Amino acid sequence: MMVIIKPHTRFKIDTGVHVQIPKDCVGFLKSKSGLMAKKGVTTDGTIDEGYTGTIQVVVFNHSDEDVVFSSGDKITQLVIQKIEKPDLELVDKLDEAPRGDAGFGSTGTSIN
């Protein structure tokens, strides 16, 4: 099987791979650094525990050229990480913090 991903588009690839994410863990699909550097391709995604279907990878082609994948090509990496599930409490007001609700660029770096 061959997949061609056009420039500046995304395409969902069904890997046919099934995994069982351990309890209290999450799976992160992470971009391969070589594909990012050489082809402009990213593949980040999340797999929750309990999902046992086939892993489908959304591939983003950020480049100006077609990107071609064939069966067996390495397109992403699965990272399993333990997660905490704290008890959350609904409150009417949050504690004061120096940053407050200041968002993008508020930590000293501003990207326009």
N, C-alpha and C. Protein backbone atom coordinates (compact mmCIF):
# COMPACT_ATOMS: atom_id res chain seq x y z
N MET A 1 0.84 -1.18 0.00
CA MET A 1 0.00 0.00 0.00
C MET A 1 0.88 1.24 0.00
N MET A 2 0.50 2.24 -0.77
CA MET A 2 1.21 3.50 -0.82
C MET A 2 0.22 4.63 -0.56
N VAL A 3 0.67 5.63 0.21
CA VAL A 3 -0.15 6.79 0.53
C VAL A 3 0.61 8.03 0.10
N ILE A 4 -0.06 8.92 -0.61
CA ILE A 4 0.53 10.20 -1.00
C ILE A 4 -0.21 11.29 -0.26
N ILE A 5 0.53 12.08 0.49
CA ILE A 5 -0.07 13.18 1.25
C ILE A 5 0.33 14.48 0.56
N LYS A 6 -0.67 15.18 0.08
CA LYS A 6 -0.45 16.42 -0.65
C LYS A 6 0.07 17.52 0.28
N PRO A 7 0.73 18.53 -0.29
CA PRO A 7 1.25 19.64 0.52
C PRO A 7 0.15 20.32 1.34
N HIS A 8 0.50 20.67 2.56
CA HIS A 8 -0.36 21.44 3.46
C HIS A 8 -1.72 20.78 3.71
N THR A 9 -1.71 19.44 3.75
CA THR A 9 -2.93 18.70 4.06
C THR A 9 -2.62 17.68 5.15
N ARG A 10 -3.67 17.01 5.58
CA ARG A 10 -3.52 15.94 6.56
C ARG A 10 -4.20 14.70 6.00
N PHE A 11 -3.74 13.54 6.48
CA PHE A 11 -4.30 12.29 6.01
C PHE A 11 -4.24 11.29 7.16
N LYS A 12 -5.32 10.52 7.34
CA LYS A 12 -5.37 9.53 8.42
C LYS A 12 -4.92 8.18 7.87
N ILE A 13 -3.88 7.63 8.49
CA ILE A 13 -3.35 6.33 8.10
C ILE A 13 -3.72 5.30 9.17
N ASP A 14 -4.40 4.24 8.76
CA ASP A 14 -4.74 3.13 9.66
C ASP A 14 -3.55 2.18 9.67
N THR A 15 -2.90 2.05 10.84
CA THR A 15 -1.70 1.23 10.93
C THR A 15 -2.00 -0.26 11.01
N GLY A 16 -3.22 -0.62 11.40
CA GLY A 16 -3.55 -2.02 11.60
C GLY A 16 -3.01 -2.58 12.91
N VAL A 17 -2.35 -1.73 13.70
CA VAL A 17 -1.75 -2.14 14.98
C VAL A 17 -2.74 -1.87 16.11
N HIS A 18 -2.88 -2.85 17.00
CA HIS A 18 -3.70 -2.71 18.20
C HIS A 18 -2.79 -2.83 19.41
N VAL A 19 -3.03 -2.01 20.43
CA VAL A 19 -2.28 -2.09 21.69
C VAL A 19 -3.27 -1.96 22.84
N GLN A 20 -2.85 -2.40 24.00
CA GLN A 20 -3.63 -2.20 25.22
C GLN A 20 -2.82 -1.27 26.11
N ILE A 21 -3.26 -0.03 26.22
CA ILE A 21 -2.58 0.94 27.07
C ILE A 21 -2.82 0.52 28.53
N PRO A 22 -1.75 0.41 29.32
CA PRO A 22 -1.93 0.00 30.72
C PRO A 22 -2.81 0.97 31.51
N LYS A 23 -3.40 0.46 32.57
CA LYS A 23 -4.26 1.28 33.46
C LYS A 23 -3.44 2.46 33.99
N ASP A 24 -4.10 3.59 34.10
CA ASP A 24 -3.50 4.83 34.59
C ASP A 24 -2.34 5.31 33.71
N CYS A 25 -2.42 5.00 32.43
CA CYS A 25 -1.43 5.46 31.47
C CYS A 25 -2.14 6.06 30.26
N VAL A 26 -1.38 6.74 29.45
CA VAL A 26 -1.88 7.29 28.18
C VAL A 26 -0.81 7.05 27.14
N GLY A 27 -1.23 6.89 25.91
CA GLY A 27 -0.28 6.74 24.81
C GLY A 27 -0.23 8.02 24.00
N PHE A 28 0.98 8.50 23.74
CA PHE A 28 1.16 9.69 22.91
C PHE A 28 1.82 9.27 21.61
N LEU A 29 1.21 9.62 20.50
CA LEU A 29 1.85 9.43 19.21
C LEU A 29 2.70 10.68 18.97
N LYS A 30 3.98 10.47 18.80
CA LYS A 30 4.92 11.58 18.66
C LYS A 30 5.58 11.55 17.29
N SER A 31 5.79 12.72 16.74
CA SER A 31 6.42 12.85 15.43
C SER A 31 7.86 12.31 15.46
N LYS A 32 8.25 11.67 14.38
CA LYS A 32 9.63 11.22 14.22
C LYS A 32 10.47 12.44 13.82
N SER A 33 11.57 12.67 14.52
CA SER A 33 12.36 13.88 14.27
C SER A 33 12.92 13.93 12.85
N GLY A 34 13.29 12.79 12.30
CA GLY A 34 13.81 12.77 10.93
C GLY A 34 12.76 13.19 9.92
N LEU A 35 11.52 12.73 10.12
CA LEU A 35 10.45 13.13 9.20
C LEU A 35 10.13 14.62 9.33
N MET A 36 10.21 15.13 10.56
CA MET A 36 9.95 16.56 10.74
C MET A 36 11.03 17.37 10.03
N ALA A 37 12.30 17.00 10.24
CA ALA A 37 13.41 17.77 9.69
C ALA A 37 13.53 17.63 8.17
N LYS A 38 13.34 16.43 7.66
CA LYS A 38 13.58 16.18 6.24
C LYS A 38 12.35 16.37 5.36
N LYS A 39 11.15 16.11 5.90
CA LYS A 39 9.94 16.12 5.08
C LYS A 39 8.87 17.11 5.53
N GLY A 40 9.02 17.70 6.71
CA GLY A 40 8.00 18.63 7.20
C GLY A 40 6.73 17.94 7.64
N VAL A 41 6.87 16.72 8.19
CA VAL A 41 5.72 15.90 8.57
C VAL A 41 5.62 15.81 10.09
N THR A 42 4.39 16.00 10.62
CA THR A 42 4.15 15.79 12.05
C THR A 42 2.99 14.82 12.24
N THR A 43 2.97 14.15 13.41
CA THR A 43 1.99 13.08 13.63
C THR A 43 1.49 12.99 15.06
N ASP A 44 1.44 14.08 15.79
CA ASP A 44 1.07 13.99 17.21
C ASP A 44 -0.38 13.60 17.42
N GLY A 45 -0.62 12.73 18.42
CA GLY A 45 -1.96 12.29 18.77
C GLY A 45 -1.95 11.65 20.15
N THR A 46 -3.12 11.30 20.64
CA THR A 46 -3.27 10.73 21.98
C THR A 46 -4.14 9.49 21.92
N ILE A 47 -3.74 8.45 22.67
CA ILE A 47 -4.53 7.23 22.79
C ILE A 47 -4.86 7.02 24.26
N ASP A 48 -6.14 7.02 24.58
CA ASP A 48 -6.58 6.84 25.96
C ASP A 48 -6.52 5.36 26.35
N GLU A 49 -6.36 5.13 27.66
CA GLU A 49 -6.46 3.75 28.14
C GLU A 49 -7.87 3.26 27.85
N GLY A 50 -8.01 2.01 27.57
CA GLY A 50 -9.32 1.46 27.27
C GLY A 50 -9.60 1.38 25.78
N TYR A 51 -8.89 2.17 24.96
CA TYR A 51 -9.08 2.09 23.51
C TYR A 51 -8.24 0.93 22.99
N THR A 52 -8.89 -0.01 22.34
CA THR A 52 -8.16 -1.17 21.81
C THR A 52 -8.34 -1.33 20.31
N GLY A 53 -8.92 -0.33 19.68
CA GLY A 53 -9.06 -0.36 18.23
C GLY A 53 -7.72 -0.16 17.55
N THR A 54 -7.74 -0.20 16.24
CA THR A 54 -6.51 -0.01 15.49
C THR A 54 -5.99 1.42 15.66
N ILE A 55 -4.69 1.56 15.74
CA ILE A 55 -4.08 2.89 15.86
C ILE A 55 -4.15 3.57 14.50
N GLN A 56 -4.79 4.72 14.50
CA GLN A 56 -4.86 5.54 13.29
C GLN A 56 -4.05 6.81 13.53
N VAL A 57 -3.18 7.11 12.61
CA VAL A 57 -2.26 8.22 12.76
C VAL A 57 -2.66 9.33 11.79
N VAL A 58 -2.87 10.52 12.32
CA VAL A 58 -3.14 11.67 11.47
C VAL A 58 -1.79 12.30 11.13
N VAL A 59 -1.47 12.25 9.84
CA VAL A 59 -0.19 12.76 9.35
C VAL A 59 -0.43 14.13 8.72
N PHE A 60 0.30 15.13 9.19
CA PHE A 60 0.21 16.48 8.65
C PHE A 60 1.43 16.75 7.77
N ASN A 61 1.21 17.15 6.55
CA ASN A 61 2.29 17.51 5.63
C ASN A 61 2.37 19.03 5.58
N HIS A 62 3.34 19.59 6.26
CA HIS A 62 3.51 21.04 6.32
C HIS A 62 4.37 21.57 5.17
N SER A 63 4.86 20.69 4.33
CA SER A 63 5.78 21.09 3.27
C SER A 63 5.04 21.52 2.00
N ASP A 64 5.82 21.92 1.01
CA ASP A 64 5.27 22.32 -0.29
C ASP A 64 5.32 21.20 -1.31
N GLU A 65 5.69 19.98 -0.86
CA GLU A 65 5.82 18.84 -1.78
C GLU A 65 5.00 17.66 -1.28
N ASP A 66 4.64 16.77 -2.21
CA ASP A 66 3.98 15.52 -1.83
C ASP A 66 4.90 14.72 -0.92
N VAL A 67 4.32 14.02 0.05
CA VAL A 67 5.07 13.08 0.88
C VAL A 67 4.46 11.70 0.65
N VAL A 68 5.33 10.73 0.38
CA VAL A 68 4.88 9.38 0.04
C VAL A 68 5.29 8.41 1.14
N PHE A 69 4.33 7.61 1.60
CA PHE A 69 4.60 6.55 2.56
C PHE A 69 4.19 5.22 1.95
N SER A 70 4.98 4.19 2.24
CA SER A 70 4.68 2.83 1.80
C SER A 70 4.52 1.95 3.02
N SER A 71 3.86 0.81 2.86
CA SER A 71 3.70 -0.14 3.97
C SER A 71 5.05 -0.42 4.59
N GLY A 72 5.11 -0.39 5.92
CA GLY A 72 6.34 -0.68 6.65
C GLY A 72 7.15 0.54 7.01
N ASP A 73 6.83 1.71 6.42
CA ASP A 73 7.56 2.93 6.77
C ASP A 73 7.26 3.33 8.21
N LYS A 74 8.26 3.84 8.89
CA LYS A 74 8.07 4.36 10.25
C LYS A 74 7.49 5.77 10.13
N ILE A 75 6.29 5.98 10.69
CA ILE A 75 5.63 7.27 10.53
C ILE A 75 5.42 8.00 11.86
N THR A 76 5.47 7.29 12.96
CA THR A 76 5.25 7.91 14.26
C THR A 76 5.87 7.02 15.33
N GLN A 77 5.90 7.51 16.55
CA GLN A 77 6.42 6.75 17.68
C GLN A 77 5.41 6.81 18.81
N LEU A 78 5.14 5.67 19.43
CA LEU A 78 4.20 5.61 20.54
C LEU A 78 4.98 5.68 21.86
N VAL A 79 4.62 6.67 22.67
CA VAL A 79 5.22 6.86 23.99
C VAL A 79 4.13 6.62 25.02
N ILE A 80 4.37 5.70 25.94
CA ILE A 80 3.41 5.39 27.01
C ILE A 80 3.85 6.14 28.27
N GLN A 81 2.92 6.85 28.89
CA GLN A 81 3.27 7.62 30.08
C GLN A 81 2.22 7.41 31.16
N LYS A 82 2.68 7.25 32.39
CA LYS A 82 1.79 7.19 33.55
C LYS A 82 1.12 8.54 33.73
N ILE A 83 -0.14 8.53 34.14
CA ILE A 83 -0.85 9.78 34.40
C ILE A 83 -1.48 9.73 35.78
N GLU A 84 -1.61 10.90 36.37
CA GLU A 84 -2.33 11.00 37.65
C GLU A 84 -3.77 11.38 37.36
N LYS A 85 -4.65 10.90 38.20
CA LYS A 85 -6.07 11.24 38.09
C LYS A 85 -6.51 11.82 39.43
N PRO A 86 -6.15 13.09 39.68
CA PRO A 86 -6.49 13.67 40.98
C PRO A 86 -7.98 13.92 41.11
N ASP A 87 -8.44 13.95 42.34
CA ASP A 87 -9.82 14.34 42.60
C ASP A 87 -9.90 15.85 42.39
N LEU A 88 -10.78 16.27 41.53
CA LEU A 88 -10.94 17.70 41.25
C LEU A 88 -12.08 18.26 42.07
N GLU A 89 -11.94 19.54 42.42
CA GLU A 89 -12.95 20.20 43.24
C GLU A 89 -13.43 21.44 42.49
N LEU A 90 -14.72 21.59 42.36
CA LEU A 90 -15.31 22.76 41.74
C LEU A 90 -15.27 23.92 42.73
N VAL A 91 -14.67 25.05 42.32
CA VAL A 91 -14.57 26.22 43.19
C VAL A 91 -15.13 27.44 42.47
N ASP A 92 -15.48 28.46 43.25
CA ASP A 92 -16.00 29.69 42.67
C ASP A 92 -14.88 30.65 42.27
N LYS A 93 -13.70 30.51 42.89
CA LYS A 93 -12.60 31.42 42.63
C LYS A 93 -11.29 30.65 42.74
N LEU A 94 -10.33 31.00 41.87
CA LEU A 94 -9.01 30.38 41.91
C LEU A 94 -8.06 31.24 42.73
N ASP A 95 -7.00 30.64 43.24
CA ASP A 95 -5.97 31.38 43.97
C ASP A 95 -5.34 32.41 43.03
N GLU A 96 -4.90 33.54 43.58
CA GLU A 96 -4.20 34.55 42.79
C GLU A 96 -2.84 33.99 42.35
N ALA A 97 -2.44 34.36 41.14
CA ALA A 97 -1.14 33.94 40.60
C ALA A 97 -0.55 35.11 39.83
N PRO A 98 0.79 35.24 39.82
CA PRO A 98 1.41 36.37 39.13
C PRO A 98 1.01 36.48 37.66
N ARG A 99 0.83 35.37 37.00
CA ARG A 99 0.50 35.38 35.57
C ARG A 99 -1.00 35.58 35.35
N GLY A 100 -1.81 35.13 36.29
CA GLY A 100 -3.25 35.30 36.16
C GLY A 100 -3.78 34.62 34.90
N ASP A 101 -4.58 35.33 34.13
CA ASP A 101 -5.14 34.74 32.92
C ASP A 101 -4.41 35.21 31.66
N ALA A 102 -3.21 35.81 31.84
CA ALA A 102 -2.41 36.23 30.69
C ALA A 102 -2.01 35.00 29.89
N GLY A 103 -2.24 35.02 28.62
CA GLY A 103 -2.03 33.84 27.78
C GLY A 103 -0.79 33.92 26.93
N PHE A 104 -0.96 33.68 25.64
CA PHE A 104 0.13 33.57 24.69
C PHE A 104 1.09 34.75 24.78
N GLY A 105 2.39 34.46 24.91
CA GLY A 105 3.42 35.49 24.94
C GLY A 105 3.60 36.16 26.27
N SER A 106 2.88 35.73 27.31
CA SER A 106 2.94 36.42 28.59
C SER A 106 4.13 36.01 29.47
N THR A 107 4.92 35.03 29.01
CA THR A 107 6.07 34.59 29.81
C THR A 107 7.37 35.23 29.34
N GLY A 108 7.29 36.26 28.52
CA GLY A 108 8.48 36.96 28.09
C GLY A 108 8.87 36.75 26.64
N THR A 109 8.23 35.80 25.98
CA THR A 109 8.52 35.56 24.57
C THR A 109 7.24 35.80 23.80
N SER A 110 7.33 36.66 22.81
CA SER A 110 6.15 36.94 21.99
C SER A 110 6.44 36.59 20.55
N ILE A 111 5.63 35.72 19.99
CA ILE A 111 5.79 35.33 18.59
C ILE A 111 4.60 35.91 17.83
N ASN A 112 4.87 36.72 16.86
CA ASN A 112 3.79 37.33 16.07
C ASN A 112 3.48 36.51 14.88
